[in-house]
C-alpha atoms as a PDB file:
ATOM      1  CA  THR A   1      35.935 102.860   7.801  1.00  0.00           C
ATOM      2  CA  GLY A   2      36.121 101.350  11.290  1.00  0.00           C
ATOM      3  CA  THR A   3      33.642 103.816  12.743  1.00  0.00           C
ATOM      4  CA  ALA A   4      31.236 103.226   9.860  1.00  0.00           C
ATOM      5  CA  PHE A   5      31.547  99.468  10.430  1.00  0.00           C
ATOM      6  CA  LEU A   6      30.543  99.964  14.079  1.00  0.00           C
ATOM      7  CA  GLU A   7      27.642 102.171  12.989  1.00  0.00           C
ATOM      8  CA  GLN A   8      26.523  99.467  10.556  1.00  0.00           C
ATOM      9  CA  LEU A   9      26.705  96.819  13.269  1.00  0.00           C
ATOM     10  CA  LEU A  10      24.656  98.996  15.607  1.00  0.00           C
ATOM     11  CA  LEU A  11      22.023  99.602  12.918  1.00  0.00           C
ATOM     12  CA  THR A  12      21.850  95.875  12.232  1.00  0.00           C
ATOM     13  CA  LEU A  13      21.889  94.607  15.817  1.00  0.00           C
ATOM     14  CA  THR A  14      19.837  97.063  17.849  1.00  0.00           C
ATOM     15  CA  PRO A  15      16.217  96.213  18.596  1.00  0.00           C
ATOM     16  CA  ARG A  16      15.517  99.964  18.449  1.00  0.00           C
ATOM     17  CA  PRO A  17      16.770 101.301  15.088  1.00  0.00           C
ATOM     18  CA  ASP A  18      14.222 104.129  15.401  1.00  0.00           C
ATOM     19  CA  ALA A  19      16.175 105.425  18.411  1.00  0.00           C
ATOM     20  CA  LEU A  20      19.204 105.944  16.168  1.00  0.00           C
ATOM     21  CA  ARG A  21      17.318 108.567  14.169  1.00  0.00           C
ATOM     22  CA  GLN A  22      17.141 110.804  17.269  1.00  0.00           C
ATOM     23  CA  PRO A  23      19.778 112.448  19.447  1.00  0.00           C
ATOM     24  CA  PRO A  24      21.076 109.934  22.034  1.00  0.00           C
ATOM     25  CA  GLU A  25      19.202 109.799  25.317  1.00  0.00           C
ATOM     26  CA  GLU A  26      20.955 108.800  28.505  1.00  0.00           C
ATOM     27  CA  ALA A  27      17.891 106.835  29.645  1.00  0.00           C
ATOM     28  CA  THR A  28      17.853 104.557  26.573  1.00  0.00           C
ATOM     29  CA  PHE A  29      21.505 104.531  25.462  1.00  0.00           C
ATOM     30  CA  ALA A  30      22.454 101.315  27.292  1.00  0.00           C
ATOM     31  CA  ALA A  31      19.475  99.338  25.978  1.00  0.00           C
ATOM     32  CA  VAL A  32      19.855 100.615  22.406  1.00  0.00           C
ATOM     33  CA  THR A  33      23.591  99.861  22.231  1.00  0.00           C
ATOM     34  CA  ALA A  34      23.767  96.684  24.384  1.00  0.00           C
ATOM     35  CA  PRO A  35      23.593  94.278  21.396  1.00  0.00           C
ATOM     36  CA  LEU A  36      26.590  96.020  19.814  1.00  0.00           C
ATOM     37  CA  TRP A  37      28.729  95.676  22.960  1.00  0.00           C
ATOM     38  CA  HIS A  38      27.707  92.033  23.356  1.00  0.00           C
ATOM     39  CA  TYR A  39      28.617  91.322  19.719  1.00  0.00           C
ATOM     40  CA  LEU A  40      31.979  93.101  20.032  1.00  0.00           C
ATOM     41  CA  ASP A  41      32.793  91.172  23.222  1.00  0.00           C
ATOM     42  CA  ARG A  42      32.336  87.942  21.247  1.00  0.00           C
ATOM     43  CA  LEU A  43      34.107  89.284  18.143  1.00  0.00           C
ATOM     44  CA  HIS A  44      37.269  90.752  19.700  1.00  0.00           C
ATOM     45  CA  PRO A  45      38.915  87.405  20.611  1.00  0.00           C
ATOM     46  CA  LEU A  46      38.659  86.425  16.931  1.00  0.00           C
ATOM     47  CA  LEU A  47      40.245  89.619  15.595  1.00  0.00           C
ATOM     48  CA  TRP A  48      43.863  90.470  14.847  1.00  0.00           C
ATOM     49  CA  ARG A  49      45.576  91.178  18.177  1.00  0.00           C
ATOM     50  CA  GLN A  50      42.287  90.223  19.843  1.00  0.00           C
ATOM     51  CA  GLY A  51      40.799  93.574  18.825  1.00  0.00           C
ATOM     52  CA  ARG A  52      43.150  95.595  21.054  1.00  0.00           C
ATOM     53  CA  ASP A  53      44.761  97.267  18.044  1.00  0.00           C
ATOM     54  CA  PHE A  54      43.594  97.960  14.509  1.00  0.00           C
ATOM     55  CA  PRO A  55      45.418  98.785  11.258  1.00  0.00           C
ATOM     56  CA  ALA A  56      45.775 102.529  10.800  1.00  0.00           C
ATOM     57  CA  SER A  57      44.359 102.775   7.282  1.00  0.00           C
ATOM     58  CA  PRO A  58      42.611 100.855   4.513  1.00  0.00           C
ATOM     59  CA  ALA A  59      45.947 100.696   2.656  1.00  0.00           C
ATOM     60  CA  ARG A  60      47.549  99.049   5.695  1.00  0.00           C
ATOM     61  CA  MET A  61      44.648  96.574   5.901  1.00  0.00           C
ATOM     62  CA  ASP A  62      45.137  95.731   2.222  1.00  0.00           C
ATOM     63  CA  ALA A  63      48.860  95.087   2.752  1.00  0.00           C
ATOM     64  CA  MET A  64      48.094  92.890   5.767  1.00  0.00           C
ATOM     65  CA  LEU A  65      45.412  91.025   3.811  1.00  0.00           C
ATOM     66  CA  LYS A  66      47.846  90.422   0.958  1.00  0.00           C
ATOM     67  CA  ASN A  67      50.558  89.047   3.257  1.00  0.00           C
ATOM     68  CA  GLY A  68      48.090  86.818   5.124  1.00  0.00           C
ATOM     69  CA  THR A  69      48.110  88.679   8.452  1.00  0.00           C
ATOM     70  CA  LEU A  70      44.425  89.549   8.011  1.00  0.00           C
ATOM     71  CA  ARG A  71      41.641  87.542   6.422  1.00  0.00           C
ATOM     72  CA  LEU A  72      39.304  90.520   5.968  1.00  0.00           C
ATOM     73  CA  SER A  73      39.681  94.172   5.086  1.00  0.00           C
ATOM     74  CA  ILE A  74      36.887  96.728   5.149  1.00  0.00           C
ATOM     75  CA  THR A  75      36.200  99.569   2.764  1.00  0.00           C
ATOM     76  CA  PHE A  76      33.343 101.713   1.526  1.00  0.00           C
ATOM     77  CA  ASN A  77      33.817 100.655  -2.101  1.00  0.00           C
ATOM     78  CA  PRO A  78      32.140  97.315  -2.903  1.00  0.00           C
ATOM     79  CA  LEU A  79      34.419  96.946  -5.941  1.00  0.00           C
ATOM     80  CA  HIS A  80      37.625  97.625  -3.972  1.00  0.00           C
ATOM     81  CA  ALA A  81      38.729  93.981  -3.756  1.00  0.00           C
ATOM     82  CA  GLN A  82      38.201  93.446  -7.474  1.00  0.00           C
ATOM     83  CA  GLN A  83      40.154  96.594  -8.338  1.00  0.00           C
ATOM     84  CA  LYS A  84      43.031  95.710  -5.996  1.00  0.00           C
ATOM     85  CA  ALA A  85      43.146  92.110  -7.271  1.00  0.00           C
ATOM     86  CA  VAL A  86      43.398  93.351 -10.868  1.00  0.00           C
ATOM     87  CA  SER A  87      46.244  95.712  -9.900  1.00  0.00           C
ATOM     88  CA  GLY A  88      48.070  92.946  -7.991  1.00  0.00           C
ATOM     89  CA  GLU A  89      47.706  94.695  -4.632  1.00  0.00           C
ATOM     90  CA  LEU A  90      45.505  91.856  -3.317  1.00  0.00           C
ATOM     91  CA  PRO A  91      45.438  88.137  -4.123  1.00  0.00           C
ATOM     92  CA  LYS A  92      43.580  87.253  -7.342  1.00  0.00           C
ATOM     93  CA  ASP A  93      40.910  85.339  -5.389  1.00  0.00           C
ATOM     94  CA  SER A  94      39.930  88.396  -3.311  1.00  0.00           C
ATOM     95  CA  TYR A  95      36.283  89.370  -3.474  1.00  0.00           C
ATOM     96  CA  GLY A  96      33.914  91.926  -2.034  1.00  0.00           C
ATOM     97  CA  PHE A  97      30.665  91.513  -0.170  1.00  0.00           C
ATOM     98  CA  GLY A  98      28.321  93.739   1.746  1.00  0.00           C
ATOM     99  CA  PHE A  99      25.364  93.908   4.030  1.00  0.00           C
ATOM    100  CA  ARG A 100      22.062  93.076   2.345  1.00  0.00           C
ATOM    101  CA  GLU A 101      20.023  95.646   4.292  1.00  0.00           C
ATOM    102  CA  GLY A 102      20.795  99.147   5.450  1.00  0.00           C
ATOM    103  CA  MET A 103      24.390  99.212   4.266  1.00  0.00           C
ATOM    104  CA  LEU A 104      26.306 102.406   4.975  1.00  0.00           C
ATOM    105  CA  GLY A 105      28.423 103.650   2.131  1.00  0.00           C
ATOM    106  CA  ASN A 106      30.042 106.714   0.684  1.00  0.00           C
ATOM    107  CA  VAL A 107      28.873 108.674  -2.293  1.00  0.00           C
ATOM    108  CA  HIS A 108      30.688 111.108  -4.532  1.00  0.00           C
ATOM    109  CA  PHE A 109      29.350 114.541  -5.304  1.00  0.00           C
ATOM    110  CA  VAL A 110      30.144 116.903  -8.136  1.00  0.00           C
ATOM    111  CA  ALA A 111      29.444 120.459  -7.073  1.00  0.00           C
ATOM    112  CA  ILE A 112      29.559 123.677  -9.011  1.00  0.00           C
ATOM    113  CA  PRO A 113      30.411 126.558  -6.670  1.00  0.00           C
ATOM    114  CA  SER A 114      28.011 129.494  -6.721  1.00  0.00           C
ATOM    115  CA  ASN A 115      30.910 131.791  -7.630  1.00  0.00           C
ATOM    116  CA  ALA A 116      32.216 129.598 -10.494  1.00  0.00           C
ATOM    117  CA  ARG A 117      33.282 131.659 -13.510  1.00  0.00           C
ATOM    118  CA  ALA A 118      32.406 129.016 -16.099  1.00  0.00           C
ATOM    119  CA  THR A 119      29.181 127.421 -14.886  1.00  0.00           C
ATOM    120  CA  ALA A 120      28.179 126.304 -18.379  1.00  0.00           C
ATOM    121  CA  GLY A 121      31.473 124.456 -18.821  1.00  0.00           C
ATOM    122  CA  ALA A 122      31.192 122.988 -15.325  1.00  0.00           C
ATOM    123  CA  LYS A 123      27.718 121.675 -16.170  1.00  0.00           C
ATOM    124  CA  VAL A 124      29.092 120.026 -19.311  1.00  0.00           C
ATOM    125  CA  ILE A 125      31.735 118.252 -17.194  1.00  0.00           C
ATOM    126  CA  ALA A 126      29.189 117.276 -14.514  1.00  0.00           C
ATOM    127  CA  ASN A 127      26.864 115.847 -17.153  1.00  0.00           C
ATOM    128  CA  PHE A 128      29.739 113.952 -18.737  1.00  0.00           C
ATOM    129  CA  LEU A 129      30.703 112.450 -15.362  1.00  0.00           C
ATOM    130  CA  LEU A 130      27.134 111.127 -15.089  1.00  0.00           C
ATOM    131  CA  SER A 131      27.169 109.632 -18.578  1.00  0.00           C
ATOM    132  CA  PRO A 132      27.145 105.848 -19.003  1.00  0.00           C
ATOM    133  CA  GLN A 133      30.504 106.090 -20.798  1.00  0.00           C
ATOM    134  CA  ALA A 134      32.226 107.902 -17.915  1.00  0.00           C
ATOM    135  CA  GLN A 135      30.543 105.737 -15.270  1.00  0.00           C
ATOM    136  CA  LEU A 136      31.596 102.585 -17.121  1.00  0.00           C
ATOM    137  CA  ARG A 137      35.185 103.803 -17.271  1.00  0.00           C
ATOM    138  CA  LYS A 138      35.068 104.613 -13.535  1.00  0.00           C
ATOM    139  CA  ALA A 139      33.697 101.123 -12.770  1.00  0.00           C
ATOM    140  CA  ASP A 140      36.479  99.408 -14.721  1.00  0.00           C
ATOM    141  CA  PRO A 141      38.781  97.817 -12.103  1.00  0.00           C
ATOM    142  CA  THR A 142      41.839  98.574 -14.243  1.00  0.00           C
ATOM    143  CA  VAL A 143      40.988 102.295 -14.059  1.00  0.00           C
ATOM    144  CA  TRP A 144      39.315 103.069 -10.718  1.00  0.00           C
ATOM    145  CA  GLY A 145      36.983 100.225  -9.802  1.00  0.00           C
ATOM    146  CA  ASP A 146      34.241 102.351  -8.253  1.00  0.00           C
ATOM    147  CA  PRO A 147      30.542 101.496  -8.700  1.00  0.00           C
ATOM    148  CA  SER A 148      28.317 103.456 -11.024  1.00  0.00           C
ATOM    149  CA  VAL A 149      25.717 105.835  -9.629  1.00  0.00           C
ATOM    150  CA  LEU A 150      23.404 105.134 -12.567  1.00  0.00           C
ATOM    151  CA  ASP A 151      20.129 103.233 -12.269  1.00  0.00           C
ATOM    152  CA  PRO A 152      20.580 100.052 -14.347  1.00  0.00           C
ATOM    153  CA  ALA A 153      16.869 100.107 -15.240  1.00  0.00           C
ATOM    154  CA  LYS A 154      17.429 103.378 -17.113  1.00  0.00           C
ATOM    155  CA  LEU A 155      20.343 102.073 -19.184  1.00  0.00           C
ATOM    156  CA  THR A 156      20.068 100.569 -22.635  1.00  0.00           C
ATOM    157  CA  GLU A 157      20.561  96.815 -22.929  1.00  0.00           C
ATOM    158  CA  THR A 158      23.979  97.421 -24.508  1.00  0.00           C
ATOM    159  CA  GLU A 159      25.009  99.681 -21.609  1.00  0.00           C
ATOM    160  CA  ARG A 160      23.786  97.136 -19.026  1.00  0.00           C
ATOM    161  CA  GLN A 161      25.792  94.404 -20.726  1.00  0.00           C
ATOM    162  CA  ALA A 162      28.894  96.607 -20.704  1.00  0.00           C
ATOM    163  CA  PHE A 163      28.503  97.215 -16.949  1.00  0.00           C
ATOM    164  CA  ASN A 164      27.844  93.520 -16.309  1.00  0.00           C
ATOM    165  CA  ALA A 165      31.131  92.717 -18.039  1.00  0.00           C
ATOM    166  CA  VAL A 166      33.189  94.743 -15.518  1.00  0.00           C
ATOM    167  CA  VAL A 167      31.108  94.709 -12.311  1.00  0.00           C
ATOM    168  CA  PRO A 168      30.678  91.534 -10.220  1.00  0.00           C
ATOM    169  CA  GLN A 169      27.064  90.368 -10.186  1.00  0.00           C
ATOM    170  CA  ASN A 170      27.132  88.898  -6.664  1.00  0.00           C
ATOM    171  CA  MET A 171      27.052  92.242  -4.873  1.00  0.00           C
ATOM    172  CA  PRO A 172      24.075  93.118  -2.661  1.00  0.00           C
END
């Protein structure tokens, strides 16, 4: 998560985002990355241990957030704070937020190996996992608290309302 956060900062801060779509070039590296280093130089004094040390895992960050050592924890899941607040692992007033443009994130894939013995059954499971019912269950913070991969515009009004009931509406 820390490396992805740095990548996100670089994407957001650099005046040359096009350069990040190419292999790095020694001649332009300093100019492309300079805004990131400048930002980090200003940020580090404000961080836990002045940015000289970082928690080893998201779980450690959550524990430190809960006990007040940290004021911010980072994760790929925009519903993480909601899920952890429901489970009691974070304070009830915890909330998630994200970048409005170009946000890096993780996705989940369901693959059926080419040598699978029961491809028809695997397809049934894959299709079920993409169903509104399964995605709604996955989004429920008491179950998993992970966002749906479904396009809300393709859901029925009833399905949209069900998702709106469990997913915060203030997410980017």
